[in-house]
Amino acid sequence: MSNLKLIYGNIIDKLKNQIAENEKKHEAALEKEREAAHFVVRRLEDAIKDIKEAINQHEWNQVAKYKENEDE
């Protein structure tokens, strides 16, 4: 019986170690995904800011053209 305990004990220890290792790998993968998602969000925020600035500039250009036409 003690041989079985030893064999199964070793198997259980190996499985526990594998589970712990897999959890670490999973956490590392999640962290990389989180970092990538934050990077994408920052780029999208930058793009939105640039688009808003372009819209504002376009609106000011339209106002300037309208005023030029009024002055003529």
PDB file of N, CA and C in Angstrom:
ATOM      1  N   MET A   1       0.813  -1.195   0.000  1.00  0.00           N
ATOM      2  CA  MET A   1       0.000   0.000   0.000  1.00  0.00           C
ATOM      3  C   MET A   1       0.860   1.264   0.000  1.00  0.00           C
ATOM      4  N   SER A   2       1.990   1.207   0.706  1.00  0.00           N
ATOM      5  CA  SER A   2       2.841   2.394   0.768  1.00  0.00           C
ATOM      6  C   SER A   2       3.464   2.699  -0.594  1.00  0.00           C
ATOM      7  N   ASN A   3       3.704   1.664  -1.403  1.00  0.00           N
ATOM      8  CA  ASN A   3       4.219   1.893  -2.752  1.00  0.00           C
ATOM      9  C   ASN A   3       3.205   2.666  -3.588  1.00  0.00           C
ATOM     10  N   LEU A   4       1.935   2.313  -3.446  1.00  0.00           N
ATOM     11  CA  LEU A   4       0.893   3.035  -4.177  1.00  0.00           C
ATOM     12  C   LEU A   4       0.810   4.479  -3.711  1.00  0.00           C
ATOM     13  N   LYS A   5       0.913   4.691  -2.400  1.00  0.00           N
ATOM     14  CA  LYS A   5       0.891   6.055  -1.871  1.00  0.00           C
ATOM     15  C   LYS A   5       2.054   6.850  -2.438  1.00  0.00           C
ATOM     16  N   LEU A   6       3.208   6.227  -2.501  1.00  0.00           N
ATOM     17  CA  LEU A   6       4.393   6.888  -3.024  1.00  0.00           C
ATOM     18  C   LEU A   6       4.212   7.222  -4.502  1.00  0.00           C
ATOM     19  N   ILE A   7       3.740   6.259  -5.267  1.00  0.00           N
ATOM     20  CA  ILE A   7       3.531   6.468  -6.709  1.00  0.00           C
ATOM     21  C   ILE A   7       2.480   7.548  -6.945  1.00  0.00           C
ATOM     22  N   TYR A   8       1.321   7.388  -6.303  1.00  0.00           N
ATOM     23  CA  TYR A   8       0.249   8.366  -6.504  1.00  0.00           C
ATOM     24  C   TYR A   8       0.607   9.719  -5.901  1.00  0.00           C
ATOM     25  N   GLY A   9       1.363   9.697  -4.808  1.00  0.00           N
ATOM     26  CA  GLY A   9       1.824  10.958  -4.211  1.00  0.00           C
ATOM     27  C   GLY A   9       2.705  11.723  -5.170  1.00  0.00           C
ATOM     28  N   ASN A  10       3.613  11.006  -5.838  1.00  0.00           N
ATOM     29  CA  ASN A  10       4.486  11.644  -6.828  1.00  0.00           C
ATOM     30  C   ASN A  10       3.680  12.175  -8.009  1.00  0.00           C
ATOM     31  N   ILE A  11       2.727  11.393  -8.453  1.00  0.00           N
ATOM     32  CA  ILE A  11       1.877  11.824  -9.573  1.00  0.00           C
ATOM     33  C   ILE A  11       1.098  13.073  -9.177  1.00  0.00           C
ATOM     34  N   ILE A  12       0.532  13.057  -7.981  1.00  0.00           N
ATOM     35  CA  ILE A  12      -0.239  14.211  -7.507  1.00  0.00           C
ATOM     36  C   ILE A  12       0.661  15.438  -7.392  1.00  0.00           C
ATOM     37  N   ASP A  13       1.859  15.280  -6.865  1.00  0.00           N
ATOM     38  CA  ASP A  13       2.798  16.404  -6.760  1.00  0.00           C
ATOM     39  C   ASP A  13       3.143  16.963  -8.137  1.00  0.00           C
ATOM     40  N   LYS A  14       3.393  16.071  -9.096  1.00  0.00           N
ATOM     41  CA  LYS A  14       3.702  16.517 -10.459  1.00  0.00           C
ATOM     42  C   LYS A  14       2.525  17.282 -11.057  1.00  0.00           C
ATOM     43  N   LEU A  15       1.317  16.763 -10.839  1.00  0.00           N
ATOM     44  CA  LEU A  15       0.132  17.446 -11.360  1.00  0.00           C
ATOM     45  C   LEU A  15      -0.061  18.811 -10.701  1.00  0.00           C
ATOM     46  N   LYS A  16       0.162  18.888  -9.401  1.00  0.00           N
ATOM     47  CA  LYS A  16       0.059  20.172  -8.698  1.00  0.00           C
ATOM     48  C   LYS A  16       1.065  21.169  -9.256  1.00  0.00           C
ATOM     49  N   ASN A  17       2.286  20.693  -9.493  1.00  0.00           N
ATOM     50  CA  ASN A  17       3.320  21.565 -10.057  1.00  0.00           C
ATOM     51  C   ASN A  17       2.949  22.018 -11.462  1.00  0.00           C
ATOM     52  N   GLN A  18       2.397  21.109 -12.253  1.00  0.00           N
ATOM     53  CA  GLN A  18       1.961  21.460 -13.607  1.00  0.00           C
ATOM     54  C   GLN A  18       0.855  22.503 -13.562  1.00  0.00           C
ATOM     55  N   ILE A  19      -0.089  22.311 -12.660  1.00  0.00           N
ATOM     56  CA  ILE A  19      -1.191  23.266 -12.523  1.00  0.00           C
ATOM     57  C   ILE A  19      -0.648  24.638 -12.141  1.00  0.00           C
ATOM     58  N   ALA A  20       0.257  24.678 -11.178  1.00  0.00           N
ATOM     59  CA  ALA A  20       0.848  25.949 -10.748  1.00  0.00           C
ATOM     60  C   ALA A  20       1.595  26.620 -11.899  1.00  0.00           C
ATOM     61  N   GLU A  21       2.332  25.826 -12.662  1.00  0.00           N
ATOM     62  CA  GLU A  21       3.071  26.359 -13.809  1.00  0.00           C
ATOM     63  C   GLU A  21       2.116  26.899 -14.874  1.00  0.00           C
ATOM     64  N   ASN A  22       1.053  26.156 -15.148  1.00  0.00           N
ATOM     65  CA  ASN A  22       0.063  26.604 -16.129  1.00  0.00           C
ATOM     66  C   ASN A  22      -0.625  27.890 -15.683  1.00  0.00           C
ATOM     67  N   GLU A  23      -0.886  28.000 -14.380  1.00  0.00           N
ATOM     68  CA  GLU A  23      -1.503  29.223 -13.868  1.00  0.00           C
ATOM     69  C   GLU A  23      -0.582  30.421 -14.059  1.00  0.00           C
ATOM     70  N   LYS A  24       0.726  30.218 -13.823  1.00  0.00           N
ATOM     71  CA  LYS A  24       1.691  31.301 -14.033  1.00  0.00           C
ATOM     72  C   LYS A  24       1.726  31.712 -15.502  1.00  0.00           C
ATOM     73  N   LYS A  25       1.742  30.712 -16.394  1.00  0.00           N
ATOM     74  CA  LYS A  25       1.751  31.008 -17.831  1.00  0.00           C
ATOM     75  C   LYS A  25       0.483  31.746 -18.232  1.00  0.00           C
ATOM     76  N   HIS A  26      -0.638  31.308 -17.682  1.00  0.00           N
ATOM     77  CA  HIS A  26      -1.916  31.943 -17.990  1.00  0.00           C
ATOM     78  C   HIS A  26      -1.915  33.395 -17.516  1.00  0.00           C
ATOM     79  N   GLU A  27      -1.427  33.638 -16.314  1.00  0.00           N
ATOM     80  CA  GLU A  27      -1.347  35.003 -15.785  1.00  0.00           C
ATOM     81  C   GLU A  27      -0.451  35.871 -16.659  1.00  0.00           C
ATOM     82  N   ALA A  28       0.671  35.323 -17.093  1.00  0.00           N
ATOM     83  CA  ALA A  28       1.589  36.070 -17.955  1.00  0.00           C
ATOM     84  C   ALA A  28       0.919  36.411 -19.283  1.00  0.00           C
ATOM     85  N   ALA A  29       0.188  35.463 -19.838  1.00  0.00           N
ATOM     86  CA  ALA A  29      -0.518  35.707 -21.100  1.00  0.00           C
ATOM     87  C   ALA A  29      -1.591  36.769 -20.909  1.00  0.00           C
ATOM     88  N   LEU A  30      -2.316  36.703 -19.798  1.00  0.00           N
ATOM     89  CA  LEU A  30      -3.340  37.711 -19.525  1.00  0.00           C
ATOM     90  C   LEU A  30      -2.724  39.097 -19.379  1.00  0.00           C
ATOM     91  N   GLU A  31      -1.591  39.168 -18.727  1.00  0.00           N
ATOM     92  CA  GLU A  31      -0.920  40.460 -18.548  1.00  0.00           C
ATOM     93  C   GLU A  31      -0.501  41.035 -19.901  1.00  0.00           C
ATOM     94  N   LYS A  32       0.026  40.189 -20.778  1.00  0.00           N
ATOM     95  CA  LYS A  32       0.405  40.649 -22.122  1.00  0.00           C
ATOM     96  C   LYS A  32      -0.817  41.136 -22.891  1.00  0.00           C
ATOM     97  N   GLU A  33      -1.923  40.411 -22.784  1.00  0.00           N
ATOM     98  CA  GLU A  33      -3.155  40.823 -23.458  1.00  0.00           C
ATOM     99  C   GLU A  33      -3.651  42.152 -22.897  1.00  0.00           C
ATOM    100  N   ARG A  34      -3.560  42.311 -21.582  1.00  0.00           N
ATOM    101  CA  ARG A  34      -3.980  43.556 -20.939  1.00  0.00           C
ATOM    102  C   ARG A  34      -3.146  44.730 -21.448  1.00  0.00           C
ATOM    103  N   GLU A  35      -1.834  44.534 -21.517  1.00  0.00           N
ATOM    104  CA  GLU A  35      -0.941  45.579 -22.015  1.00  0.00           C
ATOM    105  C   GLU A  35      -1.260  45.922 -23.470  1.00  0.00           C
ATOM    106  N   ALA A  36      -1.515  44.909 -24.277  1.00  0.00           N
ATOM    107  CA  ALA A  36      -1.852  45.142 -25.682  1.00  0.00           C
ATOM    108  C   ALA A  36      -3.166  45.903 -25.795  1.00  0.00           C
ATOM    109  N   ALA A  37      -4.135  45.550 -24.975  1.00  0.00           N
ATOM    110  CA  ALA A  37      -5.426  46.239 -25.001  1.00  0.00           C
ATOM    111  C   ALA A  37      -5.263  47.695 -24.593  1.00  0.00           C
ATOM    112  N   HIS A  38      -4.456  47.956 -23.569  1.00  0.00           N
ATOM    113  CA  HIS A  38      -4.220  49.340 -23.151  1.00  0.00           C
ATOM    114  C   HIS A  38      -3.534  50.130 -24.258  1.00  0.00           C
ATOM    115  N   PHE A  39      -2.597  49.493 -24.958  1.00  0.00           N
ATOM    116  CA  PHE A  39      -1.919  50.154 -26.069  1.00  0.00           C
ATOM    117  C   PHE A  39      -2.923  50.536 -27.153  1.00  0.00           C
ATOM    118  N   VAL A  40      -3.803  49.605 -27.500  1.00  0.00           N
ATOM    119  CA  VAL A  40      -4.816  49.865 -28.531  1.00  0.00           C
ATOM    120  C   VAL A  40      -5.739  50.994 -28.092  1.00  0.00           C
ATOM    121  N   VAL A  41      -6.151  50.976 -26.839  1.00  0.00           N
ATOM    122  CA  VAL A  41      -7.040  52.027 -26.332  1.00  0.00           C
ATOM    123  C   VAL A  41      -6.350  53.385 -26.419  1.00  0.00           C
ATOM    124  N   ARG A  42      -5.082  53.448 -26.042  1.00  0.00           N
ATOM    125  CA  ARG A  42      -4.355  54.730 -26.124  1.00  0.00           C
ATOM    126  C   ARG A  42      -4.263  55.211 -27.570  1.00  0.00           C
ATOM    127  N   ARG A  43      -4.004  54.296 -28.497  1.00  0.00           N
ATOM    128  CA  ARG A  43      -3.925  54.698 -29.909  1.00  0.00           C
ATOM    129  C   ARG A  43      -5.288  55.192 -30.406  1.00  0.00           C
ATOM    130  N   LEU A  44      -6.361  54.519 -29.990  1.00  0.00           N
ATOM    131  CA  LEU A  44      -7.701  54.958 -30.382  1.00  0.00           C
ATOM    132  C   LEU A  44      -8.018  56.328 -29.799  1.00  0.00           C
ATOM    133  N   GLU A  45      -7.633  56.550 -28.553  1.00  0.00           N
ATOM    134  CA  GLU A  45      -7.850  57.863 -27.942  1.00  0.00           C
ATOM    135  C   GLU A  45      -7.090  58.942 -28.698  1.00  0.00           C
ATOM    136  N   ASP A  46      -5.857  58.639 -29.097  1.00  0.00           N
ATOM    137  CA  ASP A  46      -5.071  59.587 -29.892  1.00  0.00           C
ATOM    138  C   ASP A  46      -5.745  59.861 -31.230  1.00  0.00           C
ATOM    139  N   ALA A  47      -6.250  58.817 -31.864  1.00  0.00           N
ATOM    140  CA  ALA A  47      -6.914  58.977 -33.162  1.00  0.00           C
ATOM    141  C   ALA A  47      -8.178  59.818 -33.021  1.00  0.00           C
ATOM    142  N   ILE A  48      -8.949  59.583 -31.981  1.00  0.00           N
ATOM    143  CA  ILE A  48     -10.169  60.361 -31.749  1.00  0.00           C
ATOM    144  C   ILE A  48      -9.822  61.827 -31.528  1.00  0.00           C
ATOM    145  N   LYS A  49      -8.776  62.074 -30.746  1.00  0.00           N
ATOM    146  CA  LYS A  49      -8.332  63.450 -30.497  1.00  0.00           C
ATOM    147  C   LYS A  49      -7.941  64.123 -31.815  1.00  0.00           C
ATOM    148  N   ASP A  50      -7.178  63.407 -32.652  1.00  0.00           N
ATOM    149  CA  ASP A  50      -6.759  63.954 -33.947  1.00  0.00           C
ATOM    150  C   ASP A  50      -7.961  64.246 -34.842  1.00  0.00           C
ATOM    151  N   ILE A  51      -8.939  63.362 -34.839  1.00  0.00           N
ATOM    152  CA  ILE A  51     -10.142  63.569 -35.655  1.00  0.00           C
ATOM    153  C   ILE A  51     -10.908  64.793 -35.173  1.00  0.00           C
ATOM    154  N   LYS A  52     -11.046  64.935 -33.854  1.00  0.00           N
ATOM    155  CA  LYS A  52     -11.737  66.106 -33.305  1.00  0.00           C
ATOM    156  C   LYS A  52     -11.021  67.394 -33.695  1.00  0.00           C
ATOM    157  N   GLU A  53      -9.694  67.383 -33.618  1.00  0.00           N
ATOM    158  CA  GLU A  53      -8.918  68.558 -34.013  1.00  0.00           C
ATOM    159  C   GLU A  53      -9.108  68.865 -35.496  1.00  0.00           C
ATOM    160  N   ALA A  54      -9.132  67.839 -36.318  1.00  0.00           N
ATOM    161  CA  ALA A  54      -9.332  68.037 -37.758  1.00  0.00           C
ATOM    162  C   ALA A  54     -10.720  68.604 -38.036  1.00  0.00           C
ATOM    163  N   ILE A  55     -11.725  68.112 -37.322  1.00  0.00           N
ATOM    164  CA  ILE A  55     -13.091  68.624 -37.497  1.00  0.00           C
ATOM    165  C   ILE A  55     -13.148  70.090 -37.091  1.00  0.00           C
ATOM    166  N   ASN A  56     -12.554  70.420 -35.949  1.00  0.00           N
ATOM    167  CA  ASN A  56     -12.539  71.817 -35.504  1.00  0.00           C
ATOM    168  C   ASN A  56     -11.831  72.708 -36.513  1.00  0.00           C
ATOM    169  N   GLN A  57     -10.696  72.240 -37.031  1.00  0.00           N
ATOM    170  CA  GLN A  57      -9.958  73.018 -38.022  1.00  0.00           C
ATOM    171  C   GLN A  57     -10.793  73.200 -39.284  1.00  0.00           C
ATOM    172  N   HIS A  58     -11.471  72.148 -39.708  1.00  0.00           N
ATOM    173  CA  HIS A  58     -12.328  72.232 -40.891  1.00  0.00           C
ATOM    174  C   HIS A  58     -13.449  73.245 -40.666  1.00  0.00           C
ATOM    175  N   GLU A  59     -14.051  73.209 -39.476  1.00  0.00           N
ATOM    176  CA  GLU A  59     -15.126  74.156 -39.169  1.00  0.00           C
ATOM    177  C   GLU A  59     -14.610  75.589 -39.188  1.00  0.00           C
ATOM    178  N   TRP A  60     -13.421  75.814 -38.633  1.00  0.00           N
ATOM    179  CA  TRP A  60     -12.851  77.157 -38.652  1.00  0.00           C
ATOM    180  C   TRP A  60     -12.547  77.594 -40.084  1.00  0.00           C
ATOM    181  N   ASN A  61     -12.083  76.661 -40.916  1.00  0.00           N
ATOM    182  CA  ASN A  61     -11.837  76.988 -42.323  1.00  0.00           C
ATOM    183  C   ASN A  61     -13.137  77.368 -43.021  1.00  0.00           C
ATOM    184  N   GLN A  62     -14.217  76.672 -42.713  1.00  0.00           N
ATOM    185  CA  GLN A  62     -15.512  76.989 -43.310  1.00  0.00           C
ATOM    186  C   GLN A  62     -15.978  78.377 -42.878  1.00  0.00           C
ATOM    187  N   VAL A  63     -15.787  78.701 -41.605  1.00  0.00           N
ATOM    188  CA  VAL A  63     -16.161  80.028 -41.095  1.00  0.00           C
ATOM    189  C   VAL A  63     -15.337  81.095 -41.796  1.00  0.00           C
ATOM    190  N   ALA A  64     -14.045  80.847 -41.954  1.00  0.00           N
ATOM    191  CA  ALA A  64     -13.174  81.816 -42.616  1.00  0.00           C
ATOM    192  C   ALA A  64     -13.603  82.016 -44.067  1.00  0.00           C
ATOM    193  N   LYS A  65     -13.931  80.950 -44.775  1.00  0.00           N
ATOM    194  CA  LYS A  65     -14.396  81.068 -46.161  1.00  0.00           C
ATOM    195  C   LYS A  65     -15.703  81.845 -46.224  1.00  0.00           C
ATOM    196  N   TYR A  66     -16.599  81.577 -45.289  1.00  0.00           N
ATOM    197  CA  TYR A  66     -17.886  82.270 -45.247  1.00  0.00           C
ATOM    198  C   TYR A  66     -17.664  83.765 -45.035  1.00  0.00           C
ATOM    199  N   LYS A  67     -16.756  84.115 -44.133  1.00  0.00           N
ATOM    200  CA  LYS A  67     -16.472  85.531 -43.864  1.00  0.00           C
ATOM    201  C   LYS A  67     -15.825  86.187 -45.073  1.00  0.00           C
ATOM    202  N   GLU A  68     -14.952  85.466 -45.772  1.00  0.00           N
ATOM    203  CA  GLU A  68     -14.332  86.004 -46.984  1.00  0.00           C
ATOM    204  C   GLU A  68     -15.402  86.315 -48.022  1.00  0.00           C
ATOM    205  N   ASN A  69     -16.362  85.413 -48.177  1.00  0.00           N
ATOM    206  CA  ASN A  69     -17.438  85.620 -49.142  1.00  0.00           C
ATOM    207  C   ASN A  69     -18.316  86.791 -48.734  1.00  0.00           C
ATOM    208  N   GLU A  70     -18.511  87.006 -47.440  1.00  0.00           N
ATOM    209  CA  GLU A  70     -19.308  88.141 -46.970  1.00  0.00           C
ATOM    210  C   GLU A  70     -18.602  89.450 -47.268  1.00  0.00           C
ATOM    211  N   ASP A  71     -17.287  89.464 -47.138  1.00  0.00           N
ATOM    212  CA  ASP A  71     -16.504  90.683 -47.343  1.00  0.00           C
ATOM    213  C   ASP A  71     -16.448  91.081 -48.812  1.00  0.00           C
ATOM    214  N   GLU A  72     -16.669  90.158 -49.693  1.00  0.00           N
ATOM    215  CA  GLU A  72     -16.560  90.454 -51.133  1.00  0.00           C
ATOM    216  C   GLU A  72     -17.725  91.200 -51.642  1.00  0.00           C
TER     217      GLU A  72
END
